[in-house]
């Protein structure tokens, strides 16, 4: 399978700290690659690879404006992660309630 046919899911896309940092940057405002690149101590080529993975996961999109691409966050795609984590919130809330009950009964 070639790199161009690989489709990343949201969890794969956020697995890398650099990509998570890119998402945080884009949460503040849409940005061109030149602005994104200056926030990292890696090559522009490496930043482009991270952006492609985020695009394939549909977490960001790029729109050509003049000579630059402007990247935009699609935060609604992060809902998949929130939904998955919600189960664990319920799990821990239940465990903490049980612990509280045990401590109060002692």
PDB file of N, CA and C in Angstrom:
ATOM      1  N   UNK A   1       0.845  -1.177   0.000  1.00  0.00           N
ATOM      2  CA  UNK A   1       0.000   0.000   0.000  1.00  0.00           C
ATOM      3  C   UNK A   1       0.888   1.237   0.000  1.00  0.00           C
ATOM      4  N   UNK A   2       0.683   2.121  -0.933  1.00  0.00           N
ATOM      5  CA  UNK A   2       1.518   3.312  -1.019  1.00  0.00           C
ATOM      6  C   UNK A   2       1.089   4.350   0.015  1.00  0.00           C
ATOM      7  N   UNK A   3       1.984   5.279   0.300  1.00  0.00           N
ATOM      8  CA  UNK A   3       1.722   6.322   1.298  1.00  0.00           C
ATOM      9  C   UNK A   3       0.499   7.152   0.908  1.00  0.00           C
ATOM     10  N   UNK A   4       0.265   7.371  -0.388  1.00  0.00           N
ATOM     11  CA  UNK A   4      -0.849   8.211  -0.823  1.00  0.00           C
ATOM     12  C   UNK A   4      -2.204   7.543  -0.603  1.00  0.00           C
ATOM     13  N   UNK A   5      -2.248   6.223  -0.478  1.00  0.00           N
ATOM     14  CA  UNK A   5      -3.526   5.538  -0.279  1.00  0.00           C
ATOM     15  C   UNK A   5      -3.814   5.247   1.199  1.00  0.00           C
ATOM     16  N   UNK A   6      -2.862   5.528   2.064  1.00  0.00           N
ATOM     17  CA  UNK A   6      -3.059   5.293   3.491  1.00  0.00           C
ATOM     18  C   UNK A   6      -4.059   6.306   4.016  1.00  0.00           C
ATOM     19  N   UNK A   7      -5.031   5.825   4.771  1.00  0.00           N
ATOM     20  CA  UNK A   7      -6.011   6.710   5.403  1.00  0.00           C
ATOM     21  C   UNK A   7      -5.841   6.563   6.905  1.00  0.00           C
ATOM     22  N   UNK A   8      -5.510   7.654   7.554  1.00  0.00           N
ATOM     23  CA  UNK A   8      -5.286   7.628   8.992  1.00  0.00           C
ATOM     24  C   UNK A   8      -6.590   7.930   9.712  1.00  0.00           C
ATOM     25  N   UNK A   9      -6.783   7.274  10.865  1.00  0.00           N
ATOM     26  CA  UNK A   9      -7.936   7.630  11.673  1.00  0.00           C
ATOM     27  C   UNK A   9      -7.525   8.687  12.693  1.00  0.00           C
ATOM     28  N   UNK A  10      -8.499   9.203  13.401  1.00  0.00           N
ATOM     29  CA  UNK A  10      -8.263  10.293  14.344  1.00  0.00           C
ATOM     30  C   UNK A  10      -7.259   9.879  15.413  1.00  0.00           C
ATOM     31  N   UNK A  11      -7.355   8.662  15.901  1.00  0.00           N
ATOM     32  CA  UNK A  11      -6.468   8.214  16.969  1.00  0.00           C
ATOM     33  C   UNK A  11      -5.020   8.098  16.490  1.00  0.00           C
ATOM     34  N   UNK A  12      -4.826   7.606  15.286  1.00  0.00           N
ATOM     35  CA  UNK A  12      -3.478   7.545  14.726  1.00  0.00           C
ATOM     36  C   UNK A  12      -2.922   8.955  14.537  1.00  0.00           C
ATOM     37  N   UNK A  13      -3.767   9.856  14.099  1.00  0.00           N
ATOM     38  CA  UNK A  13      -3.323  11.216  13.818  1.00  0.00           C
ATOM     39  C   UNK A  13      -2.884  11.941  15.082  1.00  0.00           C
ATOM     40  N   UNK A  14      -3.567  11.730  16.183  1.00  0.00           N
ATOM     41  CA  UNK A  14      -3.201  12.460  17.399  1.00  0.00           C
ATOM     42  C   UNK A  14      -2.153  11.721  18.227  1.00  0.00           C
ATOM     43  N   UNK A  15      -1.715  10.572  17.768  1.00  0.00           N
ATOM     44  CA  UNK A  15      -0.725   9.787  18.514  1.00  0.00           C
ATOM     45  C   UNK A  15       0.626  10.493  18.606  1.00  0.00           C
ATOM     46  N   UNK A  16       0.913  11.359  17.686  1.00  0.00           N
ATOM     47  CA  UNK A  16       2.205  12.040  17.653  1.00  0.00           C
ATOM     48  C   UNK A  16       2.115  13.411  18.325  1.00  0.00           C
ATOM     49  N   UNK A  17       3.047  13.734  19.220  1.00  0.00           N
ATOM     50  CA  UNK A  17       2.998  15.030  19.914  1.00  0.00           C
ATOM     51  C   UNK A  17       3.107  16.241  18.983  1.00  0.00           C
ATOM     52  N   UNK A  18       3.849  16.116  17.910  1.00  0.00           N
ATOM     53  CA  UNK A  18       3.956  17.233  16.964  1.00  0.00           C
ATOM     54  C   UNK A  18       2.595  17.520  16.342  1.00  0.00           C
ATOM     55  N   UNK A  19       1.888  16.474  15.953  1.00  0.00           N
ATOM     56  CA  UNK A  19       0.569  16.672  15.345  1.00  0.00           C
ATOM     57  C   UNK A  19      -0.418  17.248  16.354  1.00  0.00           C
ATOM     58  N   UNK A  20      -0.320  16.826  17.610  1.00  0.00           N
ATOM     59  CA  UNK A  20      -1.186  17.416  18.642  1.00  0.00           C
ATOM     60  C   UNK A  20      -0.882  18.904  18.793  1.00  0.00           C
ATOM     61  N   UNK A  21       0.387  19.263  18.736  1.00  0.00           N
ATOM     62  CA  UNK A  21       0.768  20.680  18.825  1.00  0.00           C
ATOM     63  C   UNK A  21       0.266  21.477  17.621  1.00  0.00           C
ATOM     64  N   UNK A  22       0.298  20.870  16.450  1.00  0.00           N
ATOM     65  CA  UNK A  22      -0.249  21.529  15.255  1.00  0.00           C
ATOM     66  C   UNK A  22      -1.739  21.798  15.461  1.00  0.00           C
ATOM     67  N   UNK A  23      -2.454  20.822  15.986  1.00  0.00           N
ATOM     68  CA  UNK A  23      -3.888  21.003  16.227  1.00  0.00           C
ATOM     69  C   UNK A  23      -4.134  22.147  17.209  1.00  0.00           C
ATOM     70  N   UNK A  24      -3.292  22.243  18.228  1.00  0.00           N
ATOM     71  CA  UNK A  24      -3.438  23.348  19.184  1.00  0.00           C
ATOM     72  C   UNK A  24      -3.199  24.699  18.515  1.00  0.00           C
ATOM     73  N   UNK A  25      -2.220  24.763  17.646  1.00  0.00           N
ATOM     74  CA  UNK A  25      -1.966  26.006  16.914  1.00  0.00           C
ATOM     75  C   UNK A  25      -3.173  26.393  16.060  1.00  0.00           C
ATOM     76  N   UNK A  26      -3.728  25.408  15.375  1.00  0.00           N
ATOM     77  CA  UNK A  26      -4.845  25.679  14.484  1.00  0.00           C
ATOM     78  C   UNK A  26      -6.140  25.930  15.245  1.00  0.00           C
ATOM     79  N   UNK A  27      -6.204  25.522  16.493  1.00  0.00           N
ATOM     80  CA  UNK A  27      -7.389  25.808  17.307  1.00  0.00           C
ATOM     81  C   UNK A  27      -7.509  27.310  17.551  1.00  0.00           C
ATOM     82  N   UNK A  28      -6.385  27.992  17.596  1.00  0.00           N
ATOM     83  CA  UNK A  28      -6.385  29.435  17.834  1.00  0.00           C
ATOM     84  C   UNK A  28      -6.791  30.209  16.581  1.00  0.00           C
ATOM     85  N   UNK A  29      -6.252  29.797  15.444  1.00  0.00           N
ATOM     86  CA  UNK A  29      -6.536  30.503  14.183  1.00  0.00           C
ATOM     87  C   UNK A  29      -6.050  29.675  13.000  1.00  0.00           C
ATOM     88  N   UNK A  30      -6.625  29.911  11.841  1.00  0.00           N
ATOM     89  CA  UNK A  30      -6.135  29.287  10.612  1.00  0.00           C
ATOM     90  C   UNK A  30      -4.736  29.832  10.343  1.00  0.00           C
ATOM     91  N   UNK A  31      -3.878  28.976   9.789  1.00  0.00           N
ATOM     92  CA  UNK A  31      -2.481  29.384   9.593  1.00  0.00           C
ATOM     93  C   UNK A  31      -1.912  28.825   8.290  1.00  0.00           C
ATOM     94  N   UNK A  32      -1.002  29.578   7.679  1.00  0.00           N
ATOM     95  CA  UNK A  32      -0.261  29.043   6.538  1.00  0.00           C
ATOM     96  C   UNK A  32       0.872  28.148   7.045  1.00  0.00           C
ATOM     97  N   UNK A  33       1.381  27.312   6.173  1.00  0.00           N
ATOM     98  CA  UNK A  33       2.445  26.385   6.573  1.00  0.00           C
ATOM     99  C   UNK A  33       3.680  27.129   7.072  1.00  0.00           C
ATOM    100  N   UNK A  34       3.962  28.294   6.504  1.00  0.00           N
ATOM    101  CA  UNK A  34       5.147  29.038   6.953  1.00  0.00           C
ATOM    102  C   UNK A  34       5.032  29.392   8.435  1.00  0.00           C
ATOM    103  N   UNK A  35       3.840  29.756   8.873  1.00  0.00           N
ATOM    104  CA  UNK A  35       3.624  30.085  10.275  1.00  0.00           C
ATOM    105  C   UNK A  35       3.664  28.835  11.153  1.00  0.00           C
ATOM    106  N   UNK A  36       3.085  27.756  10.675  1.00  0.00           N
ATOM    107  CA  UNK A  36       3.096  26.495  11.437  1.00  0.00           C
ATOM    108  C   UNK A  36       4.532  26.013  11.604  1.00  0.00           C
ATOM    109  N   UNK A  37       5.298  26.028  10.531  1.00  0.00           N
ATOM    110  CA  UNK A  37       6.673  25.518  10.545  1.00  0.00           C
ATOM    111  C   UNK A  37       7.572  26.232  11.539  1.00  0.00           C
ATOM    112  N   UNK A  38       7.369  27.530  11.723  1.00  0.00           N
ATOM    113  CA  UNK A  38       8.264  28.272  12.608  1.00  0.00           C
ATOM    114  C   UNK A  38       8.074  27.922  14.081  1.00  0.00           C
ATOM    115  N   UNK A  39       7.051  27.163  14.411  1.00  0.00           N
ATOM    116  CA  UNK A  39       6.811  26.734  15.793  1.00  0.00           C
ATOM    117  C   UNK A  39       7.519  25.426  16.146  1.00  0.00           C
ATOM    118  N   UNK A  40       8.202  24.818  15.172  1.00  0.00           N
ATOM    119  CA  UNK A  40       8.802  23.505  15.388  1.00  0.00           C
ATOM    120  C   UNK A  40      10.276  23.494  14.992  1.00  0.00           C
ATOM    121  N   UNK A  41      11.040  22.670  15.685  1.00  0.00           N
ATOM    122  CA  UNK A  41      12.469  22.500  15.382  1.00  0.00           C
ATOM    123  C   UNK A  41      12.684  21.316  14.449  1.00  0.00           C
ATOM    124  N   UNK A  42      11.808  21.188  13.468  1.00  0.00           N
ATOM    125  CA  UNK A  42      11.942  20.138  12.455  1.00  0.00           C
ATOM    126  C   UNK A  42      11.851  20.811  11.090  1.00  0.00           C
ATOM    127  N   UNK A  43      12.222  20.082  10.060  1.00  0.00           N
ATOM    128  CA  UNK A  43      12.211  20.666   8.715  1.00  0.00           C
ATOM    129  C   UNK A  43      10.781  20.942   8.251  1.00  0.00           C
ATOM    130  N   UNK A  44      10.678  21.836   7.300  1.00  0.00           N
ATOM    131  CA  UNK A  44       9.367  22.134   6.715  1.00  0.00           C
ATOM    132  C   UNK A  44       8.793  20.877   6.054  1.00  0.00           C
ATOM    133  N   UNK A  45       9.652  20.064   5.472  1.00  0.00           N
ATOM    134  CA  UNK A  45       9.216  18.811   4.854  1.00  0.00           C
ATOM    135  C   UNK A  45       8.578  17.894   5.890  1.00  0.00           C
ATOM    136  N   UNK A  46       9.166  17.823   7.077  1.00  0.00           N
ATOM    137  CA  UNK A  46       8.600  17.004   8.152  1.00  0.00           C
ATOM    138  C   UNK A  46       7.251  17.561   8.595  1.00  0.00           C
ATOM    139  N   UNK A  47       7.136  18.877   8.665  1.00  0.00           N
ATOM    140  CA  UNK A  47       5.850  19.496   9.033  1.00  0.00           C
ATOM    141  C   UNK A  47       4.794  19.152   7.987  1.00  0.00           C
ATOM    142  N   UNK A  48       5.160  19.206   6.720  1.00  0.00           N
ATOM    143  CA  UNK A  48       4.230  18.866   5.635  1.00  0.00           C
ATOM    144  C   UNK A  48       3.729  17.432   5.796  1.00  0.00           C
ATOM    145  N   UNK A  49       4.617  16.514   6.153  1.00  0.00           N
ATOM    146  CA  UNK A  49       4.206  15.113   6.350  1.00  0.00           C
ATOM    147  C   UNK A  49       3.186  14.998   7.482  1.00  0.00           C
ATOM    148  N   UNK A  50       3.416  15.738   8.563  1.00  0.00           N
ATOM    149  CA  UNK A  50       2.454  15.736   9.676  1.00  0.00           C
ATOM    150  C   UNK A  50       1.111  16.323   9.235  1.00  0.00           C
ATOM    151  N   UNK A  51       1.161  17.392   8.458  1.00  0.00           N
ATOM    152  CA  UNK A  51      -0.071  18.012   7.977  1.00  0.00           C
ATOM    153  C   UNK A  51      -0.853  17.065   7.071  1.00  0.00           C
ATOM    154  N   UNK A  52      -0.153  16.297   6.255  1.00  0.00           N
ATOM    155  CA  UNK A  52      -0.830  15.338   5.371  1.00  0.00           C
ATOM    156  C   UNK A  52      -1.563  14.277   6.176  1.00  0.00           C
ATOM    157  N   UNK A  53      -0.938  13.800   7.242  1.00  0.00           N
ATOM    158  CA  UNK A  53      -1.588  12.800   8.097  1.00  0.00           C
ATOM    159  C   UNK A  53      -2.836  13.396   8.743  1.00  0.00           C
ATOM    160  N   UNK A  54      -2.730  14.620   9.223  1.00  0.00           N
ATOM    161  CA  UNK A  54      -3.893  15.286   9.822  1.00  0.00           C
ATOM    162  C   UNK A  54      -4.996  15.505   8.793  1.00  0.00           C
ATOM    163  N   UNK A  55      -4.614  15.799   7.562  1.00  0.00           N
ATOM    164  CA  UNK A  55      -5.608  15.950   6.485  1.00  0.00           C
ATOM    165  C   UNK A  55      -6.287  14.622   6.180  1.00  0.00           C
ATOM    166  N   UNK A  56      -5.501  13.546   6.117  1.00  0.00           N
ATOM    167  CA  UNK A  56      -6.068  12.234   5.821  1.00  0.00           C
ATOM    168  C   UNK A  56      -7.032  11.780   6.911  1.00  0.00           C
ATOM    169  N   UNK A  57      -6.788  12.223   8.134  1.00  0.00           N
ATOM    170  CA  UNK A  57      -7.694  11.906   9.239  1.00  0.00           C
ATOM    171  C   UNK A  57      -8.869  12.882   9.293  1.00  0.00           C
ATOM    172  N   UNK A  58      -8.891  13.816   8.355  1.00  0.00           N
ATOM    173  CA  UNK A  58      -9.939  14.824   8.238  1.00  0.00           C
ATOM    174  C   UNK A  58     -10.038  15.725   9.466  1.00  0.00           C
ATOM    175  N   UNK A  59      -8.903  15.908  10.137  1.00  0.00           N
ATOM    176  CA  UNK A  59      -8.847  16.818  11.280  1.00  0.00           C
ATOM    177  C   UNK A  59      -8.553  18.251  10.837  1.00  0.00           C
ATOM    178  N   UNK A  60      -7.932  18.385   9.678  1.00  0.00           N
ATOM    179  CA  UNK A  60      -7.643  19.706   9.119  1.00  0.00           C
ATOM    180  C   UNK A  60      -7.914  19.675   7.621  1.00  0.00           C
ATOM    181  N   UNK A  61      -8.008  20.859   7.056  1.00  0.00           N
ATOM    182  CA  UNK A  61      -8.084  20.974   5.600  1.00  0.00           C
ATOM    183  C   UNK A  61      -7.219  22.155   5.189  1.00  0.00           C
ATOM    184  N   UNK A  62      -6.864  22.185   3.921  1.00  0.00           N
ATOM    185  CA  UNK A  62      -6.036  23.265   3.392  1.00  0.00           C
ATOM    186  C   UNK A  62      -6.767  23.918   2.240  1.00  0.00           C
ATOM    187  N   UNK A  63      -6.686  25.238   2.210  1.00  0.00           N
ATOM    188  CA  UNK A  63      -7.273  25.988   1.108  1.00  0.00           C
ATOM    189  C   UNK A  63      -6.194  26.886   0.536  1.00  0.00           C
ATOM    190  N   UNK A  64      -6.039  26.818  -0.764  1.00  0.00           N
ATOM    191  CA  UNK A  64      -5.020  27.624  -1.438  1.00  0.00           C
ATOM    192  C   UNK A  64      -5.483  29.076  -1.486  1.00  0.00           C
ATOM    193  N   UNK A  65      -4.636  29.962  -0.970  1.00  0.00           N
ATOM    194  CA  UNK A  65      -4.881  31.406  -1.041  1.00  0.00           C
ATOM    195  C   UNK A  65      -3.610  32.050  -1.559  1.00  0.00           C
ATOM    196  N   UNK A  66      -3.679  32.483  -2.793  1.00  0.00           N
ATOM    197  CA  UNK A  66      -2.478  33.021  -3.428  1.00  0.00           C
ATOM    198  C   UNK A  66      -1.453  31.924  -3.595  1.00  0.00           C
ATOM    199  N   UNK A  67      -0.246  32.174  -3.073  1.00  0.00           N
ATOM    200  CA  UNK A  67       0.832  31.191  -3.207  1.00  0.00           C
ATOM    201  C   UNK A  67       0.916  30.250  -2.021  1.00  0.00           C
ATOM    202  N   UNK A  68       0.080  30.456  -1.014  1.00  0.00           N
ATOM    203  CA  UNK A  68       0.165  29.641   0.186  1.00  0.00           C
ATOM    204  C   UNK A  68      -1.084  28.801   0.390  1.00  0.00           C
ATOM    205  N   UNK A  69      -0.912  27.754   1.177  1.00  0.00           N
ATOM    206  CA  UNK A  69      -2.039  26.963   1.651  1.00  0.00           C
ATOM    207  C   UNK A  69      -2.330  27.415   3.072  1.00  0.00           C
ATOM    208  N   UNK A  70      -3.597  27.645   3.365  1.00  0.00           N
ATOM    209  CA  UNK A  70      -4.014  28.018   4.705  1.00  0.00           C
ATOM    210  C   UNK A  70      -4.702  26.802   5.313  1.00  0.00           C
ATOM    211  N   UNK A  71      -4.219  26.386   6.482  1.00  0.00           N
ATOM    212  CA  UNK A  71      -4.741  25.192   7.146  1.00  0.00           C
ATOM    213  C   UNK A  71      -5.775  25.577   8.189  1.00  0.00           C
ATOM    214  N   UNK A  72      -6.853  24.799   8.228  1.00  0.00           N
ATOM    215  CA  UNK A  72      -7.984  25.031   9.119  1.00  0.00           C
ATOM    216  C   UNK A  72      -8.273  23.766   9.914  1.00  0.00           C
ATOM    217  N   UNK A  73      -8.544  23.923  11.196  1.00  0.00           N
ATOM    218  CA  UNK A  73      -8.899  22.810  12.071  1.00  0.00           C
ATOM    219  C   UNK A  73     -10.364  22.448  11.887  1.00  0.00           C
ATOM    220  N   UNK A  74     -10.655  21.149  11.899  1.00  0.00           N
ATOM    221  CA  UNK A  74     -12.031  20.642  11.902  1.00  0.00           C
ATOM    222  C   UNK A  74     -12.258  19.959  13.249  1.00  0.00           C
ATOM    223  N   UNK A  75     -12.550  20.769  14.244  1.00  0.00           N
ATOM    224  CA  UNK A  75     -12.627  20.270  15.624  1.00  0.00           C
ATOM    225  C   UNK A  75     -13.751  19.269  15.830  1.00  0.00           C
ATOM    226  N   UNK A  76     -14.758  19.285  14.976  1.00  0.00           N
ATOM    227  CA  UNK A  76     -15.848  18.313  15.130  1.00  0.00           C
ATOM    228  C   UNK A  76     -15.350  16.876  14.999  1.00  0.00           C
ATOM    229  N   UNK A  77     -14.253  16.684  14.295  1.00  0.00           N
ATOM    230  CA  UNK A  77     -13.685  15.337  14.158  1.00  0.00           C
ATOM    231  C   UNK A  77     -13.108  14.833  15.487  1.00  0.00           C
ATOM    232  N   UNK A  78     -12.803  15.743  16.401  1.00  0.00           N
ATOM    233  CA  UNK A  78     -12.284  15.348  17.707  1.00  0.00           C
ATOM    234  C   UNK A  78     -13.388  14.759  18.589  1.00  0.00           C
ATOM    235  N   UNK A  79     -14.630  14.883  18.153  1.00  0.00           N
ATOM    236  CA  UNK A  79     -15.770  14.318  18.895  1.00  0.00           C
ATOM    237  C   UNK A  79     -15.607  12.809  19.049  1.00  0.00           C
ATOM    238  N   UNK A  80     -15.027  12.160  18.069  1.00  0.00           N
ATOM    239  CA  UNK A  80     -14.798  10.712  18.135  1.00  0.00           C
ATOM    240  C   UNK A  80     -13.941  10.365  19.347  1.00  0.00           C
ATOM    241  N   UNK A  81     -12.944  11.177  19.619  1.00  0.00           N
ATOM    242  CA  UNK A  81     -12.075  10.954  20.780  1.00  0.00           C
ATOM    243  C   UNK A  81     -12.841  11.241  22.064  1.00  0.00           C
ATOM    244  N   UNK A  82     -13.581  12.326  22.062  1.00  0.00           N
ATOM    245  CA  UNK A  82     -14.381  12.676  23.239  1.00  0.00           C
ATOM    246  C   UNK A  82     -15.374  11.563  23.577  1.00  0.00           C
ATOM    247  N   UNK A  83     -16.029  11.022  22.571  1.00  0.00           N
ATOM    248  CA  UNK A  83     -16.989   9.940  22.798  1.00  0.00           C
ATOM    249  C   UNK A  83     -16.301   8.713  23.390  1.00  0.00           C
ATOM    250  N   UNK A  84     -15.128   8.399  22.883  1.00  0.00           N
ATOM    251  CA  UNK A  84     -14.386   7.242  23.385  1.00  0.00           C
ATOM    252  C   UNK A  84     -13.963   7.471  24.839  1.00  0.00           C
ATOM    253  N   UNK A  85     -13.497   8.669  25.134  1.00  0.00           N
ATOM    254  CA  UNK A  85     -13.062   8.994  26.494  1.00  0.00           C
ATOM    255  C   UNK A  85     -14.224   9.064  27.476  1.00  0.00           C
ATOM    256  N   UNK A  86     -15.407   9.386  26.983  1.00  0.00           N
ATOM    257  CA  UNK A  86     -16.577   9.494  27.850  1.00  0.00           C
ATOM    258  C   UNK A  86     -16.825   8.195  28.612  1.00  0.00           C
ATOM    259  N   UNK A  87     -16.611   7.074  27.957  1.00  0.00           N
ATOM    260  CA  UNK A  87     -16.768   5.785  28.629  1.00  0.00           C
ATOM    261  C   UNK A  87     -15.872   5.722  29.860  1.00  0.00           C
ATOM    262  N   UNK A  88     -14.652   6.172  29.743  1.00  0.00           N
ATOM    263  CA  UNK A  88     -13.708   6.099  30.846  1.00  0.00           C
ATOM    264  C   UNK A  88     -14.037   7.111  31.941  1.00  0.00           C
ATOM    265  N   UNK A  89     -14.626   8.226  31.569  1.00  0.00           N
ATOM    266  CA  UNK A  89     -15.100   9.171  32.587  1.00  0.00           C
ATOM    267  C   UNK A  89     -16.162   8.498  33.441  1.00  0.00           C
ATOM    268  N   UNK A  90     -17.083   7.824  32.784  1.00  0.00           N
ATOM    269  CA  UNK A  90     -18.144   7.120  33.520  1.00  0.00           C
ATOM    270  C   UNK A  90     -17.544   6.016  34.393  1.00  0.00           C
ATOM    271  N   UNK A  91     -16.576   5.304  33.858  1.00  0.00           N
ATOM    272  CA  UNK A  91     -15.905   4.237  34.600  1.00  0.00           C
ATOM    273  C   UNK A  91     -15.265   4.801  35.863  1.00  0.00           C
ATOM    274  N   UNK A  92     -14.490   5.887  35.718  1.00  0.00           N
ATOM    275  CA  UNK A  92     -13.805   6.457  36.882  1.00  0.00           C
ATOM    276  C   UNK A  92     -14.769   7.121  37.847  1.00  0.00           C
ATOM    277  N   UNK A  93     -15.820   7.751  37.338  1.00  0.00           N
ATOM    278  CA  UNK A  93     -16.830   8.323  38.239  1.00  0.00           C
ATOM    279  C   UNK A  93     -17.442   7.230  39.104  1.00  0.00           C
ATOM    280  N   UNK A  94     -17.728   6.076  38.498  1.00  0.00           N
ATOM    281  CA  UNK A  94     -18.298   4.944  39.228  1.00  0.00           C
ATOM    282  C   UNK A  94     -17.310   4.415  40.269  1.00  0.00           C
ATOM    283  N   UNK A  95     -16.043   4.268  39.869  1.00  0.00           N
ATOM    284  CA  UNK A  95     -15.020   3.774  40.795  1.00  0.00           C
ATOM    285  C   UNK A  95     -14.820   4.740  41.963  1.00  0.00           C
ATOM    286  N   UNK A  96     -14.804   6.033  41.686  1.00  0.00           N
ATOM    287  CA  UNK A  96     -14.631   7.019  42.742  1.00  0.00           C
ATOM    288  C   UNK A  96     -15.837   7.036  43.684  1.00  0.00           C
ATOM    289  N   UNK A  97     -17.032   6.847  43.135  1.00  0.00           N
ATOM    290  CA  UNK A  97     -18.236   6.784  43.991  1.00  0.00           C
ATOM    291  C   UNK A  97     -18.161   5.570  44.902  1.00  0.00           C
ATOM    292  N   UNK A  98     -17.692   4.444  44.362  1.00  0.00           N
ATOM    293  CA  UNK A  98     -17.546   3.236  45.186  1.00  0.00           C
ATOM    294  C   UNK A  98     -16.506   3.460  46.287  1.00  0.00           C
ATOM    295  N   UNK A  99     -15.403   4.103  45.949  1.00  0.00           N
ATOM    296  CA  UNK A  99     -14.368   4.388  46.933  1.00  0.00           C
ATOM    297  C   UNK A  99     -14.909   5.327  48.026  1.00  0.00           C
ATOM    298  N   UNK A 100     -15.623   6.336  47.606  1.00  0.00           N
ATOM    299  CA  UNK A 100     -16.200   7.271  48.565  1.00  0.00           C
ATOM    300  C   UNK A 100     -17.144   6.525  49.518  1.00  0.00           C
ATOM    301  N   UNK A 101     -17.950   5.642  48.984  1.00  0.00           N
ATOM    302  CA  UNK A 101     -18.874   4.864  49.797  1.00  0.00           C
ATOM    303  C   UNK A 101     -18.120   4.001  50.800  1.00  0.00           C
ATOM    304  N   UNK A 102     -17.039   3.364  50.356  1.00  0.00           N
ATOM    305  CA  UNK A 102     -16.243   2.528  51.254  1.00  0.00           C
ATOM    306  C   UNK A 102     -15.602   3.359  52.365  1.00  0.00           C
ATOM    307  N   UNK A 103     -15.094   4.529  52.008  1.00  0.00           N
ATOM    308  CA  UNK A 103     -14.441   5.390  53.002  1.00  0.00           C
ATOM    309  C   UNK A 103     -15.468   5.903  54.006  1.00  0.00           C
ATOM    310  N   UNK A 104     -16.620   6.291  53.536  1.00  0.00           N
ATOM    311  CA  UNK A 104     -17.669   6.811  54.432  1.00  0.00           C
ATOM    312  C   UNK A 104     -18.252   5.738  55.332  1.00  0.00           C
ATOM    313  N   UNK A 105     -18.293   4.498  54.846  1.00  0.00           N
ATOM    314  CA  UNK A 105     -18.841   3.388  55.649  1.00  0.00           C
ATOM    315  C   UNK A 105     -17.846   2.876  56.682  1.00  0.00           C
ATOM    316  N   UNK A 106     -16.592   3.216  56.537  1.00  0.00           N
ATOM    317  CA  UNK A 106     -15.565   2.710  57.454  1.00  0.00           C
ATOM    318  C   UNK A 106     -15.553   3.459  58.761  1.00  0.00           C
TER     319      UNK A 106
END
